[in-house]
């Protein structure tokens, strides 16, 4: 089974990201991933995330969104974690603004393993103590560490 800490890196775990709008945040996610993985294009990541949001918001409730999509040219699942400076409207199911985004990009030929990753993310973020720790993390390293600890204590 794929572990979240194996698809997330401290470099893709960011605190105090300027939000603004859903579109702006998805653009920042695309740029962040493309910077770390030059084989992937920011434009195609952004377009895939936007296309997925058009099918229905990935706002999960409790101030959390899990933007995810299949991506051509994506060799393995890739994740990113952002804590926004200020919450933004994300059309979440509970109507609450979002300040934590856990991103999942998977290869075009997605499998049950990818659904399992989404389930792992959702169940981890369902725990209020994990959300609290993510919201209080002071650095990229400590944000990433919360995920590692949450996985080890699941």
C-alpha atoms as a PDB file:
ATOM      1  CA  UNK A   1       0.000   0.000   0.000  1.00  0.00           C
ATOM      2  CA  UNK A   2       1.285   3.472  -0.892  1.00  0.00           C
ATOM      3  CA  UNK A   3       1.965   5.691   2.129  1.00  0.00           C
ATOM      4  CA  UNK A   4       1.132   9.393   1.979  1.00  0.00           C
ATOM      5  CA  UNK A   5       4.595  10.422   3.170  1.00  0.00           C
ATOM      6  CA  UNK A   6       6.033   8.679   0.087  1.00  0.00           C
ATOM      7  CA  UNK A   7       4.083  10.876  -2.348  1.00  0.00           C
ATOM      8  CA  UNK A   8       4.315  14.138  -0.379  1.00  0.00           C
ATOM      9  CA  UNK A   9       7.569  16.035   0.213  1.00  0.00           C
ATOM     10  CA  UNK A  10       8.494  18.833   2.622  1.00  0.00           C
ATOM     11  CA  UNK A  11       9.051  20.927  -0.534  1.00  0.00           C
ATOM     12  CA  UNK A  12       5.418  20.421  -1.504  1.00  0.00           C
ATOM     13  CA  UNK A  13       4.121  21.195   2.015  1.00  0.00           C
ATOM     14  CA  UNK A  14       3.610  24.940   2.322  1.00  0.00           C
ATOM     15  CA  UNK A  15       2.363  27.141   5.167  1.00  0.00           C
ATOM     16  CA  UNK A  16       0.850  30.650   4.913  1.00  0.00           C
ATOM     17  CA  UNK A  17       0.193  30.458   1.179  1.00  0.00           C
ATOM     18  CA  UNK A  18      -1.635  33.562  -0.092  1.00  0.00           C
ATOM     19  CA  UNK A  19      -5.116  32.425  -1.145  1.00  0.00           C
ATOM     20  CA  UNK A  20      -7.332  34.933  -2.905  1.00  0.00           C
ATOM     21  CA  UNK A  21      -9.591  32.627  -4.899  1.00  0.00           C
ATOM     22  CA  UNK A  22     -10.103  28.962  -5.695  1.00  0.00           C
ATOM     23  CA  UNK A  23      -8.709  29.502  -9.201  1.00  0.00           C
ATOM     24  CA  UNK A  24      -5.626  31.328  -7.881  1.00  0.00           C
ATOM     25  CA  UNK A  25      -4.900  28.562  -5.350  1.00  0.00           C
ATOM     26  CA  UNK A  26      -5.230  25.811  -7.984  1.00  0.00           C
ATOM     27  CA  UNK A  27      -2.825  27.813 -10.171  1.00  0.00           C
ATOM     28  CA  UNK A  28      -0.306  28.000  -7.306  1.00  0.00           C
ATOM     29  CA  UNK A  29      -0.612  24.235  -6.762  1.00  0.00           C
ATOM     30  CA  UNK A  30       0.083  23.615 -10.466  1.00  0.00           C
ATOM     31  CA  UNK A  31       3.150  25.900 -10.407  1.00  0.00           C
ATOM     32  CA  UNK A  32       4.457  24.312  -7.203  1.00  0.00           C
ATOM     33  CA  UNK A  33       4.229  20.755  -8.578  1.00  0.00           C
ATOM     34  CA  UNK A  34       5.702  21.745 -11.973  1.00  0.00           C
ATOM     35  CA  UNK A  35       8.649  23.435 -10.226  1.00  0.00           C
ATOM     36  CA  UNK A  36       9.487  20.231  -8.355  1.00  0.00           C
ATOM     37  CA  UNK A  37       8.702  17.893 -11.250  1.00  0.00           C
ATOM     38  CA  UNK A  38       9.851  19.579 -14.481  1.00  0.00           C
ATOM     39  CA  UNK A  39       8.432  16.757 -16.636  1.00  0.00           C
ATOM     40  CA  UNK A  40       4.930  17.962 -15.768  1.00  0.00           C
ATOM     41  CA  UNK A  41       3.516  21.199 -17.178  1.00  0.00           C
ATOM     42  CA  UNK A  42       1.870  23.683 -14.834  1.00  0.00           C
ATOM     43  CA  UNK A  43      -0.745  24.503 -17.487  1.00  0.00           C
ATOM     44  CA  UNK A  44      -1.914  20.896 -17.886  1.00  0.00           C
ATOM     45  CA  UNK A  45      -1.969  20.352 -14.094  1.00  0.00           C
ATOM     46  CA  UNK A  46      -4.038  23.523 -13.656  1.00  0.00           C
ATOM     47  CA  UNK A  47      -6.454  22.609 -16.466  1.00  0.00           C
ATOM     48  CA  UNK A  48      -6.926  19.079 -15.078  1.00  0.00           C
ATOM     49  CA  UNK A  49      -7.631  20.398 -11.556  1.00  0.00           C
ATOM     50  CA  UNK A  50     -10.113  22.990 -12.902  1.00  0.00           C
ATOM     51  CA  UNK A  51     -11.855  20.352 -15.050  1.00  0.00           C
ATOM     52  CA  UNK A  52     -12.230  18.127 -11.959  1.00  0.00           C
ATOM     53  CA  UNK A  53     -13.662  21.017  -9.888  1.00  0.00           C
ATOM     54  CA  UNK A  54     -16.268  21.619 -12.619  1.00  0.00           C
ATOM     55  CA  UNK A  55     -17.593  18.107 -11.958  1.00  0.00           C
ATOM     56  CA  UNK A  56     -18.169  19.050  -8.309  1.00  0.00           C
ATOM     57  CA  UNK A  57     -16.247  20.849  -5.618  1.00  0.00           C
ATOM     58  CA  UNK A  58     -13.531  18.920  -3.805  1.00  0.00           C
ATOM     59  CA  UNK A  59     -14.301  21.001  -0.694  1.00  0.00           C
ATOM     60  CA  UNK A  60     -14.652  18.316   1.929  1.00  0.00           C
ATOM     61  CA  UNK A  61     -15.963  20.268   4.925  1.00  0.00           C
ATOM     62  CA  UNK A  62     -14.229  21.436   8.131  1.00  0.00           C
ATOM     63  CA  UNK A  63     -12.155  23.962   6.154  1.00  0.00           C
ATOM     64  CA  UNK A  64     -10.560  21.247   4.011  1.00  0.00           C
ATOM     65  CA  UNK A  65     -10.398  20.639   0.274  1.00  0.00           C
ATOM     66  CA  UNK A  66      -8.861  17.649  -1.468  1.00  0.00           C
ATOM     67  CA  UNK A  67      -8.302  18.809  -5.058  1.00  0.00           C
ATOM     68  CA  UNK A  68      -7.454  15.758  -7.153  1.00  0.00           C
ATOM     69  CA  UNK A  69      -7.324  14.682 -10.781  1.00  0.00           C
ATOM     70  CA  UNK A  70      -5.905  12.206 -13.238  1.00  0.00           C
ATOM     71  CA  UNK A  71      -3.000  13.615 -15.165  1.00  0.00           C
ATOM     72  CA  UNK A  72      -1.485  12.563 -18.480  1.00  0.00           C
ATOM     73  CA  UNK A  73       2.264  12.113 -18.127  1.00  0.00           C
ATOM     74  CA  UNK A  74       2.091  11.724 -14.350  1.00  0.00           C
ATOM     75  CA  UNK A  75       4.187   8.606 -13.621  1.00  0.00           C
ATOM     76  CA  UNK A  76       3.157   7.957  -9.998  1.00  0.00           C
ATOM     77  CA  UNK A  77       0.781   9.571  -7.483  1.00  0.00           C
ATOM     78  CA  UNK A  78       1.979  13.003  -6.361  1.00  0.00           C
ATOM     79  CA  UNK A  79       0.721  14.999  -3.435  1.00  0.00           C
ATOM     80  CA  UNK A  80       1.003  18.539  -2.102  1.00  0.00           C
ATOM     81  CA  UNK A  81      -0.272  20.150   1.089  1.00  0.00           C
ATOM     82  CA  UNK A  82      -1.043  23.828   1.486  1.00  0.00           C
ATOM     83  CA  UNK A  83      -2.194  25.820   4.455  1.00  0.00           C
ATOM     84  CA  UNK A  84      -3.555  29.154   3.322  1.00  0.00           C
ATOM     85  CA  UNK A  85      -2.817  32.479   4.992  1.00  0.00           C
ATOM     86  CA  UNK A  86      -6.564  33.150   5.047  1.00  0.00           C
ATOM     87  CA  UNK A  87      -9.515  30.833   4.247  1.00  0.00           C
ATOM     88  CA  UNK A  88     -11.154  31.101   0.815  1.00  0.00           C
ATOM     89  CA  UNK A  89     -14.535  30.122  -0.589  1.00  0.00           C
ATOM     90  CA  UNK A  90     -14.215  26.686  -2.180  1.00  0.00           C
ATOM     91  CA  UNK A  91     -17.891  25.727  -2.640  1.00  0.00           C
ATOM     92  CA  UNK A  92     -17.395  23.119   0.090  1.00  0.00           C
ATOM     93  CA  UNK A  93     -20.290  20.816   1.006  1.00  0.00           C
ATOM     94  CA  UNK A  94     -20.712  22.471   4.412  1.00  0.00           C
ATOM     95  CA  UNK A  95     -20.335  25.990   2.969  1.00  0.00           C
ATOM     96  CA  UNK A  96     -17.319  26.688   5.221  1.00  0.00           C
ATOM     97  CA  UNK A  97     -14.299  28.478   3.712  1.00  0.00           C
ATOM     98  CA  UNK A  98     -11.199  26.350   3.124  1.00  0.00           C
ATOM     99  CA  UNK A  99      -7.707  26.886   4.574  1.00  0.00           C
ATOM    100  CA  UNK A 100      -6.201  23.382   4.219  1.00  0.00           C
ATOM    101  CA  UNK A 101      -5.722  21.802   0.804  1.00  0.00           C
ATOM    102  CA  UNK A 102      -4.394  18.292   0.351  1.00  0.00           C
ATOM    103  CA  UNK A 103      -3.751  17.758  -3.360  1.00  0.00           C
ATOM    104  CA  UNK A 104      -3.577  14.374  -5.110  1.00  0.00           C
ATOM    105  CA  UNK A 105      -2.473  13.958  -8.733  1.00  0.00           C
ATOM    106  CA  UNK A 106      -2.600  10.433 -10.141  1.00  0.00           C
ATOM    107  CA  UNK A 107      -1.627   8.820 -13.459  1.00  0.00           C
ATOM    108  CA  UNK A 108      -4.248   8.779 -16.230  1.00  0.00           C
ATOM    109  CA  UNK A 109      -4.759   5.035 -15.731  1.00  0.00           C
ATOM    110  CA  UNK A 110      -5.885   5.434 -12.131  1.00  0.00           C
ATOM    111  CA  UNK A 111      -6.431   2.262 -10.121  1.00  0.00           C
ATOM    112  CA  UNK A 112      -7.985   1.207  -6.815  1.00  0.00           C
ATOM    113  CA  UNK A 113      -4.707   2.193  -5.156  1.00  0.00           C
ATOM    114  CA  UNK A 114      -5.472   5.816  -6.002  1.00  0.00           C
ATOM    115  CA  UNK A 115      -8.935   5.592  -4.478  1.00  0.00           C
ATOM    116  CA  UNK A 116      -7.268   4.120  -1.417  1.00  0.00           C
ATOM    117  CA  UNK A 117      -4.953   7.171  -1.236  1.00  0.00           C
ATOM    118  CA  UNK A 118      -7.961   9.501  -1.373  1.00  0.00           C
ATOM    119  CA  UNK A 119      -9.569   7.480   1.392  1.00  0.00           C
ATOM    120  CA  UNK A 120      -6.393   7.710   3.513  1.00  0.00           C
ATOM    121  CA  UNK A 121      -6.250  11.486   3.053  1.00  0.00           C
ATOM    122  CA  UNK A 122      -9.938  11.923   3.870  1.00  0.00           C
ATOM    123  CA  UNK A 123      -9.791   9.733   6.958  1.00  0.00           C
ATOM    124  CA  UNK A 124      -6.643  11.474   8.247  1.00  0.00           C
ATOM    125  CA  UNK A 125      -8.215  14.935   7.752  1.00  0.00           C
ATOM    126  CA  UNK A 126     -11.390  13.742   9.428  1.00  0.00           C
ATOM    127  CA  UNK A 127      -9.486  13.670  12.742  1.00  0.00           C
ATOM    128  CA  UNK A 128      -9.837  17.016  14.505  1.00  0.00           C
ATOM    129  CA  UNK A 129      -6.468  16.729  16.269  1.00  0.00           C
ATOM    130  CA  UNK A 130      -4.703  16.304  12.900  1.00  0.00           C
ATOM    131  CA  UNK A 131      -6.490  19.367  11.466  1.00  0.00           C
ATOM    132  CA  UNK A 132      -5.513  21.341  14.576  1.00  0.00           C
ATOM    133  CA  UNK A 133      -1.837  20.357  14.244  1.00  0.00           C
ATOM    134  CA  UNK A 134      -1.829  21.200  10.518  1.00  0.00           C
ATOM    135  CA  UNK A 135      -3.312  24.621  11.263  1.00  0.00           C
ATOM    136  CA  UNK A 136      -0.639  25.337  13.893  1.00  0.00           C
ATOM    137  CA  UNK A 137       2.395  24.056  11.950  1.00  0.00           C
ATOM    138  CA  UNK A 138       4.952  26.855  11.638  1.00  0.00           C
ATOM    139  CA  UNK A 139       7.025  25.558   8.713  1.00  0.00           C
ATOM    140  CA  UNK A 140       6.897  23.311   5.650  1.00  0.00           C
ATOM    141  CA  UNK A 141       8.895  20.696   7.558  1.00  0.00           C
ATOM    142  CA  UNK A 142       6.498  20.659  10.515  1.00  0.00           C
ATOM    143  CA  UNK A 143       3.454  20.550   8.196  1.00  0.00           C
ATOM    144  CA  UNK A 144       4.954  17.498   6.465  1.00  0.00           C
ATOM    145  CA  UNK A 145       5.816  15.950   9.849  1.00  0.00           C
ATOM    146  CA  UNK A 146       2.156  16.159  10.970  1.00  0.00           C
ATOM    147  CA  UNK A 147       1.244  13.928   7.993  1.00  0.00           C
ATOM    148  CA  UNK A 148       4.035  11.451   8.755  1.00  0.00           C
ATOM    149  CA  UNK A 149       2.975  11.274  12.421  1.00  0.00           C
ATOM    150  CA  UNK A 150      -0.722  10.958  11.520  1.00  0.00           C
ATOM    151  CA  UNK A 151       0.117   8.058   9.177  1.00  0.00           C
ATOM    152  CA  UNK A 152       2.183   6.298  11.804  1.00  0.00           C
ATOM    153  CA  UNK A 153      -0.587   6.691  14.387  1.00  0.00           C
ATOM    154  CA  UNK A 154      -3.471   5.756  12.099  1.00  0.00           C
END
